[in-house]
Amino acid sequence: MSVNDHKTVVWRAYDITFNQRNPAGARDCYAPDYRCHSSIHPGPIGFDELEAGGQEIVDAFPDVTVSFEDVFGEGDRLVVRHLFHGTHLAEFKGIPATGKQVTFSGTDIYRLADGRIAEEWAQPDVFAMLRQLGVVPAIAGPQ
C-alpha cells in the first residue's frame, strides 16, 4: 500500500469516530490485534478500549470535529498531526461540563499492515485541553 492508501485508512478512522460520531463504526479500520501506546494509558490498549475512549470524547464534546493538519509517511508508517475542536457539554474524565470550547492538537504515528491500522503511538496535547477547560493554569512564558 502507498502512503496515500495509509492516509485514506487513517482518515476514515478519524472521520467515522469523531466527525460522524460513531466510534464502533471504525472497527474495520483496525487490525484484530491493534495496539495503541499513549501516555494517557497505563499500558498498550486494544480497539475495545480505543472505542470506549472515542465514545467518551463524543459524549462529552457532542459537536467534536477533527481535521488533519499534517500527514506524511514512509513504508508502513504514517505520521498525522490533527486538531480537535469541540464544546465541553458533559462530564469528561471526572471534569463536570464547562460549556467551554476547546481546540487541541495531537501527533500520532501509525503502523499499518494489510490495509489496517496495526499499531499507534499517540501524543494528544492533554495539557492544552485541560488548560482550555480551566482545570490547570497556563504556564507563564519569559517576561
Protein backbone atom coordinates (compact mmCIF):
# COMPACT_ATOMS: atom_id res chain seq x y z
CA MET A 1 0.00 0.00 0.00
CA SER A 2 1.09 3.57 -0.65
CA VAL A 3 1.30 6.43 1.83
CA ASN A 4 -1.89 7.82 0.25
CA ASP A 5 -3.63 4.48 0.88
CA HIS A 6 -2.49 4.62 4.51
CA LYS A 7 -3.74 8.21 4.80
CA THR A 8 -7.15 7.13 3.48
CA VAL A 9 -7.47 4.37 6.10
CA VAL A 10 -6.38 6.57 9.00
CA TRP A 11 -8.58 9.50 7.89
CA ARG A 12 -11.53 7.13 7.62
CA ALA A 13 -10.96 6.00 11.23
CA TYR A 14 -10.92 9.61 12.49
CA ASP A 15 -13.82 10.73 10.33
CA ILE A 16 -16.12 7.88 11.35
CA THR A 17 -15.15 8.05 15.03
CA PHE A 18 -15.36 11.81 15.56
CA ASN A 19 -16.91 13.69 12.65
CA GLN A 20 -19.62 11.04 12.20
CA ARG A 21 -19.69 10.35 15.98
CA ASN A 22 -19.58 6.57 15.55
CA PRO A 23 -16.51 5.05 17.27
CA ALA A 24 -17.81 1.48 16.86
CA GLY A 25 -18.17 2.05 13.11
CA ALA A 26 -14.42 2.44 12.69
CA ARG A 27 -13.61 -1.11 13.82
CA ASP A 28 -12.84 -2.35 10.30
CA CYS A 29 -10.06 0.25 10.02
CA TYR A 30 -8.11 -1.56 12.74
CA ALA A 31 -6.29 -4.90 12.75
CA PRO A 32 -7.70 -7.51 15.16
CA ASP A 33 -4.50 -7.31 17.24
CA TYR A 34 -4.31 -3.47 17.15
CA ARG A 35 -2.30 -1.84 19.95
CA CYS A 36 -2.17 1.83 20.99
CA HIS A 37 0.69 3.21 23.07
CA SER A 38 0.00 6.54 24.78
CA SER A 39 1.00 8.36 27.93
CA ILE A 40 -2.69 8.67 28.85
CA HIS A 41 -2.97 4.89 29.31
CA PRO A 42 -1.03 2.78 31.82
CA GLY A 43 -0.03 0.37 29.05
CA PRO A 44 -0.90 -0.59 25.49
CA ILE A 45 -4.63 -0.80 24.76
CA GLY A 46 -6.64 -2.60 22.10
CA PHE A 47 -9.54 -1.49 19.94
CA ASP A 48 -12.22 -2.03 22.61
CA GLU A 49 -10.53 0.49 24.92
CA LEU A 50 -9.89 2.84 22.00
CA GLU A 51 -13.56 2.67 21.03
CA ALA A 52 -14.64 3.39 24.62
CA GLY A 53 -12.31 6.40 24.75
CA GLY A 54 -13.65 7.70 21.45
CA GLN A 55 -17.20 7.34 22.72
CA GLU A 56 -16.27 9.21 25.89
CA ILE A 57 -14.98 12.13 23.78
CA VAL A 58 -18.06 12.11 21.53
CA ASP A 59 -20.35 12.08 24.59
CA ALA A 60 -18.52 14.90 26.39
CA PHE A 61 -17.92 17.03 23.27
CA PRO A 62 -21.01 16.27 21.13
CA ASP A 63 -20.02 18.78 18.44
CA VAL A 64 -16.45 17.44 18.17
CA THR A 65 -14.74 17.64 14.79
CA VAL A 66 -11.27 16.61 13.79
CA SER A 67 -9.10 17.71 10.90
CA PHE A 68 -5.65 16.72 9.66
CA GLU A 69 -3.07 19.49 9.63
CA ASP A 70 -0.01 17.48 8.52
CA VAL A 71 0.30 13.95 7.17
CA PHE A 72 3.41 12.21 5.89
CA GLY A 73 4.82 8.75 5.87
CA GLU A 74 7.19 6.16 4.56
CA GLY A 75 6.83 2.43 4.14
CA ASP A 76 4.29 1.08 6.64
CA ARG A 77 4.35 4.24 8.84
CA LEU A 78 2.17 7.33 8.76
CA VAL A 79 2.52 10.44 10.93
CA VAL A 80 -0.53 12.63 11.50
CA ARG A 81 -0.84 15.98 13.27
CA HIS A 82 -4.51 16.58 13.90
CA LEU A 83 -6.73 19.22 15.51
CA PHE A 84 -9.76 18.51 17.66
CA HIS A 85 -12.45 21.16 18.14
CA GLY A 86 -15.44 20.81 20.41
CA THR A 87 -17.59 22.18 23.22
CA HIS A 88 -17.39 20.51 26.63
CA LEU A 89 -21.07 19.82 27.35
CA ALA A 90 -20.90 16.69 29.55
CA GLU A 91 -18.63 15.20 32.21
CA PHE A 92 -15.23 14.12 30.88
CA LYS A 93 -12.69 12.20 32.97
CA GLY A 94 -14.37 13.46 36.14
CA ILE A 95 -14.45 17.09 34.93
CA PRO A 96 -18.01 18.47 35.04
CA ALA A 97 -19.25 20.14 31.85
CA THR A 98 -17.81 23.63 31.49
CA GLY A 99 -19.53 24.77 28.28
CA LYS A 100 -16.09 25.86 27.05
CA GLN A 101 -14.88 25.36 23.51
CA VAL A 102 -11.53 23.67 23.13
CA THR A 103 -9.09 23.25 20.29
CA PHE A 104 -6.14 20.97 20.85
CA SER A 105 -3.73 19.05 18.70
CA GLY A 106 -2.11 15.68 18.77
CA THR A 107 0.57 13.90 16.84
CA ASP A 108 0.26 10.19 16.20
CA ILE A 109 2.47 7.66 14.46
CA TYR A 110 0.72 4.70 12.85
CA ARG A 111 1.96 1.36 11.60
CA LEU A 112 -0.31 -0.17 9.01
CA ALA A 113 -0.45 -3.81 7.91
CA ASP A 114 -2.73 -5.45 5.38
CA GLY A 115 -4.69 -2.23 4.85
CA ARG A 116 -5.48 -1.70 8.53
CA ILE A 117 -4.08 0.22 11.48
CA ALA A 118 -1.97 -2.30 13.41
CA GLU A 119 -0.22 -0.07 15.93
CA GLU A 120 -0.32 3.54 17.09
CA TRP A 121 1.83 5.81 19.21
CA ALA A 122 -0.44 8.68 20.30
CA GLN A 123 0.60 12.01 21.79
CA PRO A 124 -2.51 14.15 22.41
CA ASP A 125 -1.92 17.60 23.87
CA VAL A 126 -3.87 16.86 27.04
CA PHE A 127 -2.33 19.86 28.82
CA ALA A 128 -3.76 22.27 26.23
CA MET A 129 -7.21 20.72 26.57
CA LEU A 130 -7.12 20.84 30.39
CA ARG A 131 -5.86 24.44 30.30
CA GLN A 132 -8.70 25.49 27.99
CA LEU A 133 -11.21 23.76 30.27
CA GLY A 134 -9.80 25.77 33.20
CA VAL A 135 -8.59 22.68 35.07
CA VAL A 136 -4.91 23.70 35.04
CA PRO A 137 -3.45 27.20 34.79
CA ALA A 138 -1.45 28.37 31.83
CA ILE A 139 2.29 28.39 32.34
CA ALA A 140 3.69 31.89 32.02
CA GLY A 141 6.41 32.36 29.45
CA PRO A 142 9.52 34.55 29.65
CA GLN A 143 8.85 38.13 30.62
